[in-house]
Amino acid sequence: MNEMDELLQRLYRNSDEDLLREFKAAEAEVEAEGGPRPDPEGFERLWEKMVSEFHKDRPR
């Protein structure tokens, strides 16, 4: 396991299967939108989406 995978798993308590499922969902979303295009703000947009979904699923 690389350091990034390990960090994500510790931060978000995701298993390898969770990470793979999230990756495949993101990949399918990109394909549904017509494939990869240059998107300089893409990382920030995806990060905000992940953080939002993480907090949405957490009990308060």
N, C-alpha and C. Protein backbone atom coordinates (compact mmCIF):
# COMPACT_ATOMS: atom_id res chain seq x y z
N MET A 1 0.86 -1.17 0.00
CA MET A 1 0.00 0.00 0.00
C MET A 1 0.90 1.23 0.00
N ASN A 2 0.54 2.21 -0.83
CA ASN A 2 1.36 3.41 -0.84
C ASN A 2 0.91 4.38 0.25
N GLU A 3 1.69 5.41 0.48
CA GLU A 3 1.44 6.34 1.58
C GLU A 3 0.11 7.07 1.43
N MET A 4 -0.26 7.45 0.20
CA MET A 4 -1.51 8.17 -0.01
C MET A 4 -2.71 7.28 0.33
N ASP A 5 -2.68 6.04 -0.12
CA ASP A 5 -3.77 5.11 0.21
C ASP A 5 -3.90 4.93 1.71
N GLU A 6 -2.76 4.77 2.36
CA GLU A 6 -2.76 4.57 3.81
C GLU A 6 -3.33 5.81 4.52
N LEU A 7 -2.93 6.99 4.08
CA LEU A 7 -3.43 8.22 4.68
C LEU A 7 -4.95 8.34 4.50
N LEU A 8 -5.44 8.10 3.29
CA LEU A 8 -6.88 8.17 3.04
C LEU A 8 -7.65 7.16 3.88
N GLN A 9 -7.10 5.98 4.00
CA GLN A 9 -7.77 4.95 4.79
C GLN A 9 -7.83 5.34 6.27
N ARG A 10 -6.76 5.92 6.77
CA ARG A 10 -6.77 6.34 8.18
C ARG A 10 -7.69 7.53 8.40
N LEU A 11 -7.66 8.51 7.49
CA LEU A 11 -8.48 9.70 7.66
C LEU A 11 -9.97 9.40 7.52
N TYR A 12 -10.33 8.60 6.54
CA TYR A 12 -11.74 8.40 6.22
C TYR A 12 -12.23 7.00 6.54
N ARG A 13 -11.36 6.19 7.12
CA ARG A 13 -11.71 4.82 7.49
C ARG A 13 -12.26 4.03 6.29
N ASN A 14 -11.58 4.18 5.17
CA ASN A 14 -11.96 3.48 3.94
C ASN A 14 -11.08 2.25 3.76
N SER A 15 -11.69 1.18 3.29
CA SER A 15 -10.93 -0.01 2.94
C SER A 15 -10.44 0.12 1.50
N ASP A 16 -9.62 -0.81 1.07
CA ASP A 16 -9.18 -0.83 -0.32
C ASP A 16 -10.38 -0.89 -1.25
N GLU A 17 -11.39 -1.68 -0.88
CA GLU A 17 -12.59 -1.81 -1.70
C GLU A 17 -13.34 -0.49 -1.78
N ASP A 18 -13.40 0.25 -0.66
CA ASP A 18 -14.06 1.56 -0.67
C ASP A 18 -13.34 2.52 -1.61
N LEU A 19 -12.02 2.55 -1.53
CA LEU A 19 -11.24 3.43 -2.39
C LEU A 19 -11.42 3.08 -3.86
N LEU A 20 -11.42 1.78 -4.17
CA LEU A 20 -11.59 1.34 -5.55
C LEU A 20 -12.99 1.71 -6.04
N ARG A 21 -14.00 1.52 -5.22
CA ARG A 21 -15.38 1.86 -5.59
C ARG A 21 -15.49 3.37 -5.87
N GLU A 22 -14.89 4.20 -5.01
CA GLU A 22 -14.92 5.65 -5.21
C GLU A 22 -14.19 6.04 -6.50
N PHE A 23 -13.07 5.40 -6.76
CA PHE A 23 -12.32 5.68 -7.99
C PHE A 23 -13.14 5.32 -9.21
N LYS A 24 -13.75 4.15 -9.20
CA LYS A 24 -14.55 3.71 -10.34
C LYS A 24 -15.76 4.62 -10.54
N ALA A 25 -16.37 5.10 -9.45
CA ALA A 25 -17.50 6.02 -9.56
C ALA A 25 -17.05 7.33 -10.19
N ALA A 26 -15.91 7.85 -9.76
CA ALA A 26 -15.38 9.09 -10.33
C ALA A 26 -15.03 8.89 -11.81
N GLU A 27 -14.44 7.75 -12.11
CA GLU A 27 -14.09 7.44 -13.50
C GLU A 27 -15.35 7.37 -14.37
N ALA A 28 -16.41 6.73 -13.87
CA ALA A 28 -17.67 6.64 -14.62
C ALA A 28 -18.29 8.02 -14.81
N GLU A 29 -18.19 8.87 -13.79
CA GLU A 29 -18.71 10.23 -13.89
C GLU A 29 -17.99 11.02 -14.99
N VAL A 30 -16.68 10.88 -15.05
CA VAL A 30 -15.90 11.57 -16.09
C VAL A 30 -16.30 11.05 -17.47
N GLU A 31 -16.44 9.74 -17.60
CA GLU A 31 -16.82 9.16 -18.88
C GLU A 31 -18.22 9.62 -19.29
N ALA A 32 -19.15 9.71 -18.33
CA ALA A 32 -20.51 10.14 -18.62
C ALA A 32 -20.54 11.59 -19.08
N GLU A 33 -19.57 12.37 -18.64
CA GLU A 33 -19.49 13.78 -19.02
C GLU A 33 -18.73 13.98 -20.32
N GLY A 34 -18.37 12.89 -20.99
CA GLY A 34 -17.71 13.02 -22.28
C GLY A 34 -16.21 12.77 -22.25
N GLY A 35 -15.70 12.24 -21.19
CA GLY A 35 -14.29 11.91 -21.12
C GLY A 35 -13.46 13.01 -20.49
N PRO A 36 -12.19 12.74 -20.31
CA PRO A 36 -11.32 13.71 -19.65
C PRO A 36 -11.11 14.97 -20.49
N ARG A 37 -11.15 16.10 -19.80
CA ARG A 37 -10.86 17.39 -20.42
C ARG A 37 -9.95 18.16 -19.47
N PRO A 38 -9.20 19.11 -19.99
CA PRO A 38 -8.39 19.92 -19.08
C PRO A 38 -9.28 20.61 -18.06
N ASP A 39 -8.92 20.52 -16.80
CA ASP A 39 -9.74 21.09 -15.74
C ASP A 39 -8.82 21.53 -14.60
N PRO A 40 -8.24 22.72 -14.71
CA PRO A 40 -7.28 23.17 -13.70
C PRO A 40 -7.87 23.22 -12.29
N GLU A 41 -9.17 23.47 -12.17
CA GLU A 41 -9.79 23.53 -10.85
C GLU A 41 -10.38 22.19 -10.46
N GLY A 42 -10.17 21.17 -11.25
CA GLY A 42 -10.78 19.86 -11.02
C GLY A 42 -10.48 19.26 -9.67
N PHE A 43 -9.24 19.33 -9.25
CA PHE A 43 -8.88 18.74 -7.96
C PHE A 43 -9.66 19.41 -6.84
N GLU A 44 -9.68 20.74 -6.84
CA GLU A 44 -10.39 21.46 -5.79
C GLU A 44 -11.88 21.11 -5.79
N ARG A 45 -12.48 21.02 -6.97
CA ARG A 45 -13.90 20.69 -7.09
C ARG A 45 -14.17 19.29 -6.55
N LEU A 46 -13.35 18.32 -6.94
CA LEU A 46 -13.54 16.96 -6.47
C LEU A 46 -13.28 16.84 -4.97
N TRP A 47 -12.28 17.55 -4.48
CA TRP A 47 -11.97 17.52 -3.05
C TRP A 47 -13.16 18.05 -2.24
N GLU A 48 -13.72 19.18 -2.68
CA GLU A 48 -14.88 19.75 -1.99
C GLU A 48 -16.05 18.78 -2.02
N LYS A 49 -16.25 18.11 -3.14
CA LYS A 49 -17.33 17.13 -3.25
C LYS A 49 -17.11 15.98 -2.28
N MET A 50 -15.89 15.47 -2.20
CA MET A 50 -15.58 14.37 -1.27
C MET A 50 -15.79 14.79 0.17
N VAL A 51 -15.34 15.98 0.53
CA VAL A 51 -15.49 16.47 1.90
C VAL A 51 -16.97 16.64 2.23
N SER A 52 -17.72 17.18 1.29
CA SER A 52 -19.16 17.38 1.50
C SER A 52 -19.86 16.04 1.70
N GLU A 53 -19.55 15.06 0.86
CA GLU A 53 -20.17 13.74 1.00
C GLU A 53 -19.75 13.07 2.30
N PHE A 54 -18.51 13.25 2.70
CA PHE A 54 -18.03 12.67 3.96
C PHE A 54 -18.83 13.23 5.13
N HIS A 55 -19.01 14.53 5.17
CA HIS A 55 -19.72 15.16 6.28
C HIS A 55 -21.22 14.86 6.22
N LYS A 56 -21.76 14.67 5.04
CA LYS A 56 -23.17 14.36 4.89
C LYS A 56 -23.49 13.01 5.52
N ASP A 57 -22.56 12.06 5.41
CA ASP A 57 -22.78 10.70 5.91
C ASP A 57 -22.46 10.54 7.39
N ARG A 58 -21.90 11.56 8.01
CA ARG A 58 -21.49 11.48 9.41
C ARG A 58 -22.63 11.96 10.31
N PRO A 59 -22.92 11.22 11.37
CA PRO A 59 -23.91 11.74 12.34
C PRO A 59 -23.36 12.94 13.09
N ARG A 60 -24.22 13.84 13.42
CA ARG A 60 -23.77 15.06 14.13
C ARG A 60 -24.13 14.99 15.58
